N, C-alpha and C. Protein backbone atom coordinates (compact mmCIF):
# COMPACT_ATOMS: atom_id res chain seq x y z
N UNK A 1 0.85 -1.17 0.00
CA UNK A 1 0.00 0.00 0.00
C UNK A 1 0.90 1.24 0.00
N UNK A 2 0.42 2.29 -0.65
CA UNK A 2 1.13 3.56 -0.68
C UNK A 2 0.15 4.66 -0.29
N UNK A 3 0.72 5.77 0.18
CA UNK A 3 -0.09 6.90 0.63
C UNK A 3 0.41 8.16 -0.07
N UNK A 4 -0.51 9.00 -0.58
CA UNK A 4 -0.16 10.28 -1.21
C UNK A 4 -0.12 11.36 -0.15
N UNK A 5 0.98 12.10 -0.10
CA UNK A 5 1.15 13.20 0.84
C UNK A 5 1.20 14.52 0.09
N UNK A 6 0.29 15.45 0.38
CA UNK A 6 0.41 16.78 -0.23
C UNK A 6 1.60 17.50 0.41
N UNK A 7 2.35 18.23 -0.40
CA UNK A 7 3.53 18.95 0.10
C UNK A 7 3.25 20.44 0.13
N UNK A 8 3.75 21.12 1.16
CA UNK A 8 3.61 22.57 1.26
C UNK A 8 2.27 23.06 1.75
N UNK A 9 1.45 22.18 2.32
CA UNK A 9 0.15 22.58 2.86
C UNK A 9 -0.04 21.94 4.23
N UNK A 10 -0.89 22.55 5.04
CA UNK A 10 -1.24 21.95 6.32
C UNK A 10 -2.27 20.86 6.07
N UNK A 11 -2.09 19.74 6.75
CA UNK A 11 -3.01 18.63 6.57
C UNK A 11 -4.23 18.80 7.46
N UNK A 12 -5.37 18.53 6.90
CA UNK A 12 -6.60 18.59 7.67
C UNK A 12 -7.59 17.54 7.21
N UNK A 13 -7.10 16.58 6.46
CA UNK A 13 -7.99 15.57 5.90
C UNK A 13 -7.27 14.23 5.84
N UNK A 14 -8.04 13.19 5.55
CA UNK A 14 -7.46 11.86 5.36
C UNK A 14 -6.59 11.89 4.11
N UNK A 15 -5.51 11.14 4.13
CA UNK A 15 -4.63 11.07 2.98
C UNK A 15 -5.08 9.94 2.06
N UNK A 16 -5.02 10.17 0.75
CA UNK A 16 -5.40 9.11 -0.18
C UNK A 16 -4.43 7.93 -0.10
N UNK A 17 -4.97 6.73 -0.16
CA UNK A 17 -4.13 5.53 -0.18
C UNK A 17 -4.51 4.70 -1.40
N UNK A 18 -3.58 3.87 -1.82
CA UNK A 18 -3.83 2.97 -2.95
C UNK A 18 -3.05 1.69 -2.72
N UNK A 19 -3.62 0.58 -3.16
CA UNK A 19 -2.91 -0.69 -3.10
C UNK A 19 -2.08 -0.85 -4.36
N UNK A 20 -0.91 -1.41 -4.19
CA UNK A 20 -0.08 -1.67 -5.36
C UNK A 20 -0.43 -3.04 -5.92
N UNK A 21 -0.30 -3.16 -7.22
CA UNK A 21 -0.52 -4.44 -7.87
C UNK A 21 0.72 -5.31 -7.72
N UNK A 22 0.64 -6.53 -8.20
CA UNK A 22 1.79 -7.44 -8.14
C UNK A 22 2.99 -6.87 -8.88
N UNK A 23 2.73 -6.02 -9.87
CA UNK A 23 3.81 -5.40 -10.63
C UNK A 23 4.31 -4.12 -9.97
N UNK A 24 3.73 -3.74 -8.83
CA UNK A 24 4.13 -2.54 -8.10
C UNK A 24 3.42 -1.28 -8.55
N UNK A 25 2.55 -1.37 -9.53
CA UNK A 25 1.85 -0.19 -10.02
C UNK A 25 0.71 0.20 -9.07
N UNK A 26 0.44 1.49 -9.01
CA UNK A 26 -0.63 2.01 -8.18
C UNK A 26 -1.29 3.18 -8.89
N UNK A 27 -2.48 3.55 -8.43
CA UNK A 27 -3.20 4.67 -9.03
C UNK A 27 -4.06 5.33 -7.95
N UNK A 28 -3.98 6.65 -7.89
CA UNK A 28 -4.84 7.43 -7.01
C UNK A 28 -5.93 8.06 -7.86
N UNK A 29 -7.14 8.06 -7.34
CA UNK A 29 -8.27 8.66 -8.05
C UNK A 29 -8.71 9.93 -7.33
N UNK A 30 -9.15 10.92 -8.09
CA UNK A 30 -9.76 12.14 -7.55
C UNK A 30 -8.85 12.85 -6.55
N UNK A 31 -7.64 13.16 -6.96
CA UNK A 31 -6.69 13.89 -6.11
C UNK A 31 -6.67 15.34 -6.57
N UNK A 32 -6.76 16.27 -5.64
CA UNK A 32 -6.78 17.70 -5.95
C UNK A 32 -5.43 18.14 -6.53
N UNK A 33 -5.44 19.24 -7.32
CA UNK A 33 -4.18 19.77 -7.81
C UNK A 33 -3.25 20.15 -6.65
N UNK A 34 -1.96 20.04 -6.88
CA UNK A 34 -0.97 20.39 -5.87
C UNK A 34 0.29 19.56 -6.03
N UNK A 35 1.23 19.77 -5.12
CA UNK A 35 2.48 19.00 -5.10
C UNK A 35 2.28 17.80 -4.19
N UNK A 36 2.76 16.62 -4.63
CA UNK A 36 2.59 15.38 -3.87
C UNK A 36 3.85 14.54 -3.88
N UNK A 37 3.96 13.75 -2.84
CA UNK A 37 4.91 12.64 -2.81
C UNK A 37 4.10 11.40 -2.47
N UNK A 38 4.70 10.25 -2.69
CA UNK A 38 4.05 8.98 -2.37
C UNK A 38 5.01 8.18 -1.51
N UNK A 39 4.52 7.70 -0.37
CA UNK A 39 5.36 6.93 0.56
C UNK A 39 4.75 5.56 0.81
N UNK A 40 5.59 4.55 1.01
CA UNK A 40 5.06 3.22 1.30
C UNK A 40 4.44 3.18 2.69
N UNK A 41 3.39 2.37 2.84
CA UNK A 41 2.79 2.15 4.16
C UNK A 41 2.26 0.72 4.20
N UNK A 42 3.00 -0.13 4.91
CA UNK A 42 2.63 -1.53 5.02
C UNK A 42 3.32 -2.10 6.26
N UNK A 43 2.64 -2.03 7.39
CA UNK A 43 3.24 -2.48 8.65
C UNK A 43 3.73 -3.92 8.57
N UNK A 44 2.95 -4.80 7.95
CA UNK A 44 3.35 -6.20 7.86
C UNK A 44 4.66 -6.38 7.10
N UNK A 45 4.88 -5.53 6.11
CA UNK A 45 6.11 -5.62 5.31
C UNK A 45 7.25 -4.81 5.92
N UNK A 46 7.01 -4.14 7.06
CA UNK A 46 8.07 -3.39 7.73
C UNK A 46 8.13 -1.92 7.38
N UNK A 47 7.08 -1.38 6.76
CA UNK A 47 7.02 0.03 6.42
C UNK A 47 5.82 0.68 7.11
N UNK A 48 6.02 1.17 8.35
CA UNK A 48 4.91 1.81 9.05
C UNK A 48 4.60 3.17 8.43
N UNK A 49 3.51 3.75 8.84
CA UNK A 49 3.11 5.07 8.36
C UNK A 49 4.25 6.05 8.59
N UNK A 50 4.51 6.88 7.62
CA UNK A 50 5.61 7.83 7.68
C UNK A 50 5.09 9.19 7.28
N UNK A 51 5.98 10.14 7.18
CA UNK A 51 5.66 11.47 6.67
C UNK A 51 6.87 11.90 5.84
N UNK A 52 6.71 12.92 5.00
CA UNK A 52 7.87 13.37 4.22
C UNK A 52 9.05 13.79 5.11
N UNK A 53 8.75 14.42 6.24
CA UNK A 53 9.84 14.85 7.13
C UNK A 53 10.53 13.64 7.77
N UNK A 54 9.76 12.66 8.25
CA UNK A 54 10.36 11.47 8.84
C UNK A 54 11.15 10.70 7.79
N UNK A 55 10.64 10.60 6.57
CA UNK A 55 11.36 9.93 5.49
C UNK A 55 12.73 10.59 5.28
N UNK A 56 12.75 11.93 5.20
CA UNK A 56 14.01 12.65 4.99
C UNK A 56 14.98 12.39 6.14
N UNK A 57 14.48 12.32 7.38
CA UNK A 57 15.35 12.02 8.51
C UNK A 57 15.90 10.60 8.44
N UNK A 58 15.03 9.63 8.16
CA UNK A 58 15.45 8.23 8.14
C UNK A 58 16.48 7.94 7.05
N UNK A 59 16.32 8.57 5.90
CA UNK A 59 17.14 8.22 4.74
C UNK A 59 18.10 9.31 4.27
N UNK A 60 18.01 10.50 4.87
CA UNK A 60 18.94 11.56 4.54
C UNK A 60 18.79 12.09 3.12
N UNK A 61 17.61 11.94 2.57
CA UNK A 61 17.37 12.46 1.22
C UNK A 61 15.92 12.93 1.12
N UNK A 62 15.68 13.87 0.21
CA UNK A 62 14.31 14.37 0.07
C UNK A 62 13.42 13.33 -0.60
N UNK A 63 12.14 13.52 -0.45
CA UNK A 63 11.16 12.66 -1.11
C UNK A 63 11.05 13.06 -2.57
N UNK A 64 10.70 12.10 -3.41
CA UNK A 64 10.40 12.41 -4.81
C UNK A 64 9.04 13.09 -4.84
N UNK A 65 8.83 13.97 -5.80
CA UNK A 65 7.55 14.66 -5.85
C UNK A 65 7.08 14.91 -7.27
N UNK A 66 5.77 15.10 -7.41
CA UNK A 66 5.14 15.48 -8.66
C UNK A 66 4.20 16.63 -8.39
N UNK A 67 3.89 17.38 -9.44
CA UNK A 67 2.92 18.46 -9.33
C UNK A 67 1.75 18.17 -10.25
N UNK A 68 0.56 18.19 -9.69
CA UNK A 68 -0.67 18.01 -10.47
C UNK A 68 -1.34 19.37 -10.63
N UNK A 69 -1.82 19.65 -11.81
CA UNK A 69 -2.55 20.90 -12.07
C UNK A 69 -3.90 20.55 -12.68
N UNK A 70 -4.77 21.52 -12.78
CA UNK A 70 -6.07 21.25 -13.40
C UNK A 70 -5.90 20.92 -14.88
N UNK A 71 -4.83 21.44 -15.53
CA UNK A 71 -4.56 21.12 -16.92
C UNK A 71 -3.80 19.79 -17.07
N UNK A 72 -3.04 19.40 -16.06
CA UNK A 72 -2.26 18.17 -16.11
C UNK A 72 -2.52 17.37 -14.83
N UNK A 73 -3.62 16.64 -14.84
CA UNK A 73 -4.05 15.92 -13.63
C UNK A 73 -3.48 14.51 -13.56
N UNK A 74 -2.62 14.13 -14.50
CA UNK A 74 -2.03 12.80 -14.50
C UNK A 74 -0.51 12.92 -14.42
N UNK A 75 0.10 12.08 -13.63
CA UNK A 75 1.55 12.07 -13.50
C UNK A 75 2.00 10.69 -13.08
N UNK A 76 3.25 10.39 -13.37
CA UNK A 76 3.85 9.14 -12.91
C UNK A 76 4.92 9.48 -11.90
N UNK A 77 4.98 8.70 -10.85
CA UNK A 77 6.02 8.89 -9.83
C UNK A 77 6.55 7.51 -9.48
N UNK A 78 7.80 7.27 -9.84
CA UNK A 78 8.45 6.01 -9.54
C UNK A 78 8.90 6.02 -8.09
N UNK A 79 8.47 5.03 -7.34
CA UNK A 79 8.84 4.92 -5.93
C UNK A 79 9.72 3.69 -5.77
N UNK A 80 10.95 3.91 -5.33
CA UNK A 80 11.84 2.80 -5.04
C UNK A 80 11.82 2.59 -3.53
N UNK A 81 11.53 1.37 -3.12
CA UNK A 81 11.45 1.10 -1.68
C UNK A 81 12.83 1.24 -1.04
N UNK A 82 12.92 2.07 -0.01
CA UNK A 82 14.19 2.20 0.71
C UNK A 82 14.33 1.02 1.68
N UNK A 83 15.50 0.89 2.31
CA UNK A 83 15.60 -0.14 3.35
C UNK A 83 14.54 0.09 4.43
N UNK A 84 14.08 -0.97 5.02
CA UNK A 84 13.08 -0.83 6.10
C UNK A 84 13.73 -0.06 7.25
N UNK A 85 12.98 0.84 7.87
CA UNK A 85 13.57 1.54 9.02
C UNK A 85 13.79 0.56 10.17
N UNK A 86 14.72 0.92 11.06
CA UNK A 86 14.86 0.18 12.30
C UNK A 86 13.76 0.64 13.24
N UNK A 87 13.53 -0.12 14.27
CA UNK A 87 12.54 0.25 15.29
C UNK A 87 13.20 0.17 16.65
N UNK A 88 12.92 1.13 17.48
CA UNK A 88 13.50 1.15 18.82
C UNK A 88 12.40 1.30 19.86
N UNK A 89 12.35 0.35 20.78
CA UNK A 89 11.42 0.43 21.91
C UNK A 89 12.14 1.17 23.03
N UNK A 90 11.52 2.22 23.53
CA UNK A 90 12.14 3.08 24.54
C UNK A 90 11.50 2.83 25.89
N UNK A 91 12.33 2.55 26.90
CA UNK A 91 11.86 2.33 28.26
C UNK A 91 12.73 3.17 29.20
N UNK A 92 12.12 4.15 29.86
CA UNK A 92 12.84 5.09 30.71
C UNK A 92 12.39 4.91 32.15
N UNK A 93 13.36 4.80 33.07
CA UNK A 93 13.03 4.62 34.49
C UNK A 93 13.81 5.59 35.36
N UNK A 94 13.30 5.78 36.58
CA UNK A 94 13.96 6.56 37.61
C UNK A 94 15.03 5.65 38.22
N UNK A 95 16.28 6.08 38.18
CA UNK A 95 17.39 5.25 38.67
C UNK A 95 17.22 4.86 40.15
N UNK A 96 16.66 5.74 40.95
CA UNK A 96 16.53 5.49 42.39
C UNK A 96 15.36 4.57 42.71
N UNK A 97 14.20 4.89 42.16
CA UNK A 97 12.99 4.14 42.53
C UNK A 97 12.65 3.01 41.55
N UNK A 98 13.28 3.01 40.40
CA UNK A 98 13.00 2.05 39.31
C UNK A 98 11.60 2.25 38.71
N UNK A 99 10.92 3.34 39.10
CA UNK A 99 9.60 3.62 38.55
C UNK A 99 9.73 4.05 37.09
N UNK A 100 8.76 3.65 36.28
CA UNK A 100 8.79 4.03 34.87
C UNK A 100 8.48 5.51 34.73
N UNK A 101 9.21 6.19 33.88
CA UNK A 101 8.98 7.60 33.56
C UNK A 101 8.21 7.61 32.24
N UNK A 102 7.04 8.26 32.24
CA UNK A 102 6.18 8.24 31.06
C UNK A 102 6.15 9.57 30.30
N UNK A 103 6.74 10.60 30.88
CA UNK A 103 6.75 11.94 30.28
C UNK A 103 8.20 12.28 29.98
N UNK A 104 8.64 12.08 28.73
CA UNK A 104 10.05 12.26 28.39
C UNK A 104 10.20 12.61 26.91
N UNK A 105 11.42 13.00 26.55
CA UNK A 105 11.73 13.36 25.16
C UNK A 105 12.95 12.57 24.70
N UNK A 106 12.88 12.10 23.48
CA UNK A 106 14.01 11.42 22.84
C UNK A 106 14.39 12.24 21.61
N UNK A 107 15.63 12.69 21.58
CA UNK A 107 16.13 13.42 20.41
C UNK A 107 17.22 12.59 19.77
N UNK A 108 17.16 12.51 18.43
CA UNK A 108 18.17 11.75 17.69
C UNK A 108 18.83 12.67 16.68
N UNK A 109 20.10 12.37 16.40
CA UNK A 109 20.85 13.13 15.40
C UNK A 109 21.73 12.16 14.63
N UNK A 110 21.74 12.32 13.31
CA UNK A 110 22.60 11.52 12.45
C UNK A 110 23.79 12.40 12.07
N UNK A 111 24.97 12.16 12.69
CA UNK A 111 26.13 12.99 12.38
C UNK A 111 26.50 12.92 10.90
N UNK A 112 26.81 14.07 10.33
CA UNK A 112 27.23 14.13 8.94
C UNK A 112 26.10 14.12 7.93
N UNK A 113 24.88 13.92 8.38
CA UNK A 113 23.73 13.92 7.44
C UNK A 113 23.29 15.36 7.24
N UNK A 114 23.23 15.80 6.01
CA UNK A 114 22.90 17.20 5.71
C UNK A 114 21.42 17.51 5.80
N UNK A 115 20.60 16.64 5.22
CA UNK A 115 19.17 16.90 5.16
C UNK A 115 18.46 16.28 6.35
N UNK A 116 17.69 17.06 7.07
CA UNK A 116 16.88 16.56 8.19
C UNK A 116 17.68 15.63 9.09
N UNK A 117 18.74 16.13 9.66
CA UNK A 117 19.63 15.30 10.47
C UNK A 117 19.14 15.08 11.89
N UNK A 118 18.08 15.77 12.31
CA UNK A 118 17.60 15.65 13.69
C UNK A 118 16.10 15.32 13.74
N UNK A 119 15.72 14.57 14.77
CA UNK A 119 14.31 14.22 14.98
C UNK A 119 14.06 14.22 16.49
N UNK A 120 12.88 14.70 16.87
CA UNK A 120 12.50 14.73 18.28
C UNK A 120 11.18 14.01 18.46
N UNK A 121 11.15 13.09 19.42
CA UNK A 121 9.92 12.39 19.80
C UNK A 121 9.58 12.82 21.22
N UNK A 122 8.36 13.30 21.42
CA UNK A 122 7.91 13.72 22.74
C UNK A 122 6.86 12.72 23.21
N UNK A 123 7.09 12.13 24.37
CA UNK A 123 6.17 11.14 24.93
C UNK A 123 5.48 11.73 26.16
N UNK A 124 4.19 11.43 26.28
CA UNK A 124 3.38 11.87 27.41
C UNK A 124 2.81 10.64 28.10
N UNK A 125 2.31 10.78 29.32
CA UNK A 125 1.76 9.61 30.03
C UNK A 125 0.66 8.89 29.25
N UNK A 126 -0.06 9.61 28.37
CA UNK A 126 -1.13 8.98 27.61
C UNK A 126 -0.60 8.13 26.44
N UNK A 127 0.67 8.31 26.10
CA UNK A 127 1.25 7.58 24.97
C UNK A 127 1.31 6.09 25.31
N UNK A 128 0.67 5.30 24.48
CA UNK A 128 0.62 3.85 24.74
C UNK A 128 1.84 3.13 24.17
N UNK A 129 2.37 3.62 23.08
CA UNK A 129 3.43 2.92 22.37
C UNK A 129 4.72 3.73 22.42
N UNK A 130 5.76 3.17 22.97
CA UNK A 130 7.05 3.85 23.04
C UNK A 130 8.01 3.27 22.02
N UNK A 131 7.52 3.04 20.81
CA UNK A 131 8.34 2.51 19.73
C UNK A 131 8.51 3.60 18.69
N UNK A 132 9.75 3.82 18.27
CA UNK A 132 10.04 4.85 17.28
C UNK A 132 10.80 4.25 16.11
N UNK A 133 10.62 4.85 14.94
CA UNK A 133 11.38 4.45 13.77
C UNK A 133 12.71 5.18 13.80
N UNK A 134 13.78 4.46 13.45
CA UNK A 134 15.12 5.03 13.48
C UNK A 134 15.80 4.76 12.14
N UNK A 135 16.81 5.57 11.80
CA UNK A 135 17.51 5.37 10.53
C UNK A 135 18.12 3.97 10.44
N UNK A 136 17.86 3.26 9.34
CA UNK A 136 18.41 1.92 9.20
C UNK A 136 19.89 1.96 8.79
N UNK A 137 20.68 1.12 9.44
CA UNK A 137 22.08 0.91 9.06
C UNK A 137 22.93 2.18 9.13
N UNK A 138 22.57 3.12 9.98
CA UNK A 138 23.35 4.36 10.16
C UNK A 138 23.59 4.57 11.64
N UNK A 139 24.74 5.11 11.98
CA UNK A 139 24.98 5.49 13.36
C UNK A 139 24.27 6.80 13.67
N UNK A 140 23.64 6.87 14.84
CA UNK A 140 22.98 8.10 15.26
C UNK A 140 23.12 8.23 16.77
N UNK A 141 23.05 9.47 17.25
CA UNK A 141 23.12 9.71 18.69
C UNK A 141 21.72 9.84 19.24
N UNK A 142 21.57 9.51 20.52
CA UNK A 142 20.28 9.58 21.20
C UNK A 142 20.45 10.40 22.47
N UNK A 143 19.56 11.36 22.67
CA UNK A 143 19.53 12.16 23.90
C UNK A 143 18.17 11.94 24.55
N UNK A 144 18.18 11.61 25.83
CA UNK A 144 16.93 11.37 26.57
C UNK A 144 16.85 12.38 27.71
N UNK A 145 15.73 13.10 27.77
CA UNK A 145 15.51 14.06 28.85
C UNK A 145 14.09 13.90 29.39
N UNK A 146 13.92 14.31 30.65
CA UNK A 146 12.61 14.32 31.30
C UNK A 146 12.62 15.43 32.34
N UNK A 147 11.52 16.12 32.47
CA UNK A 147 11.41 17.21 33.43
C UNK A 147 11.65 16.68 34.84
N UNK A 148 12.52 17.36 35.58
CA UNK A 148 12.83 16.97 36.95
C UNK A 148 13.96 15.96 37.05
N UNK A 149 14.55 15.58 35.91
CA UNK A 149 15.64 14.62 35.88
C UNK A 149 16.82 15.18 35.10
N UNK A 150 18.00 14.68 35.42
CA UNK A 150 19.18 15.03 34.62
C UNK A 150 19.11 14.28 33.30
N UNK A 151 19.76 14.84 32.29
CA UNK A 151 19.83 14.15 31.00
C UNK A 151 20.49 12.79 31.18
N UNK A 152 20.05 11.82 30.42
CA UNK A 152 20.61 10.47 30.47
C UNK A 152 22.12 10.54 30.31
N UNK A 153 22.83 9.96 31.25
CA UNK A 153 24.28 10.03 31.29
C UNK A 153 24.98 9.60 30.01
N UNK A 154 24.46 8.59 29.34
CA UNK A 154 25.11 8.11 28.13
C UNK A 154 24.88 9.01 26.93
N UNK A 155 23.99 9.99 27.06
CA UNK A 155 23.73 10.87 25.93
C UNK A 155 24.27 12.28 26.13
N UNK A 156 24.87 12.54 27.29
CA UNK A 156 25.28 13.90 27.61
C UNK A 156 26.22 14.50 26.57
N UNK A 157 27.25 13.83 26.18
CA UNK A 157 28.21 14.39 25.24
C UNK A 157 27.96 13.94 23.80
N UNK A 158 26.95 13.14 23.59
CA UNK A 158 26.60 12.73 22.24
C UNK A 158 27.66 11.89 21.56
N UNK A 159 28.47 11.19 22.33
CA UNK A 159 29.56 10.41 21.74
C UNK A 159 29.16 8.99 21.39
N UNK A 160 28.16 8.47 22.05
CA UNK A 160 27.78 7.09 21.81
C UNK A 160 26.86 7.00 20.61
N UNK A 161 27.32 6.29 19.58
CA UNK A 161 26.49 6.09 18.40
C UNK A 161 25.71 4.79 18.54
N UNK A 162 24.44 4.86 18.18
CA UNK A 162 23.57 3.69 18.17
C UNK A 162 23.36 3.33 16.71
N UNK A 163 23.29 2.05 16.43
CA UNK A 163 23.07 1.58 15.05
C UNK A 163 22.07 0.44 15.09
N UNK A 164 21.01 0.56 14.31
CA UNK A 164 19.98 -0.47 14.25
C UNK A 164 19.89 -0.94 12.80
N UNK A 165 20.15 -2.21 12.55
CA UNK A 165 20.07 -2.72 11.18
C UNK A 165 18.66 -2.60 10.60
N UNK A 166 18.59 -2.47 9.30
CA UNK A 166 17.33 -2.35 8.57
C UNK A 166 16.36 -3.46 8.96
N UNK A 167 15.13 -3.06 9.29
CA UNK A 167 14.07 -4.01 9.58
C UNK A 167 14.15 -4.72 10.91
N UNK A 168 15.11 -4.34 11.76
CA UNK A 168 15.24 -5.02 13.06
C UNK A 168 14.76 -4.11 14.18
N UNK A 169 14.61 -4.71 15.35
CA UNK A 169 14.18 -3.97 16.53
C UNK A 169 15.28 -3.95 17.56
N UNK A 170 15.36 -2.85 18.28
CA UNK A 170 16.34 -2.70 19.36
C UNK A 170 15.60 -2.08 20.54
N UNK A 171 16.20 -2.22 21.70
CA UNK A 171 15.62 -1.64 22.92
C UNK A 171 16.56 -0.56 23.45
N UNK A 172 15.97 0.52 23.91
CA UNK A 172 16.72 1.57 24.59
C UNK A 172 16.23 1.60 26.02
N UNK A 173 17.06 1.17 26.92
CA UNK A 173 16.76 1.18 28.36
C UNK A 173 17.60 2.28 28.98
N UNK A 174 16.97 3.31 29.50
CA UNK A 174 17.70 4.42 30.10
C UNK A 174 17.18 4.70 31.50
N UNK A 175 18.11 4.90 32.40
CA UNK A 175 17.76 5.28 33.77
C UNK A 175 18.21 6.72 33.99
N UNK A 176 17.31 7.54 34.52
CA UNK A 176 17.59 8.94 34.75
C UNK A 176 17.68 9.22 36.25
N UNK A 177 18.55 10.15 36.61
CA UNK A 177 18.69 10.55 38.00
C UNK A 177 17.95 11.86 38.23
N UNK A 178 17.30 11.95 39.40
CA UNK A 178 16.59 13.20 39.75
C UNK A 178 17.57 14.32 39.91
N UNK A 179 17.07 15.54 39.59
CA UNK A 179 17.92 16.74 39.74
C UNK A 179 18.10 17.10 41.18
């Protein structure tokens, strides 16, 4: 399955989706004029829902795009599947009490990546899933912070690179000390 993303506009509606055929071809019907990209979305195949910004962060390159106009409402956009992103399950605890911390921020940076080299995930107590997509097969730094706690010791100087192979899962277990 693929999803069409309008570029340069605020989203306020459902995004069009289309199933690909066995040959990989797809077609969107009744799409408004504008700039678009198409991204894969198939959890079973290892491609969870993404966005153009997340795609640029994961792969260090811009999304391919087409422009549809009222005079030219048809276009072809070749989509080459990138490596599957890595997935990281994040579990943060209080070092003293071992209690789980549910309100925290994870910031990642891919050193040397020019385009969209940083990503921030903000988690709140209502967040049920602490799994994030991470760049596949690339080293990146992770910074973990939470209000009322010191920054995670292993992320303070940003020297430790984490690497998650394409399509695999890793766990990030971090203990924070109170300020």
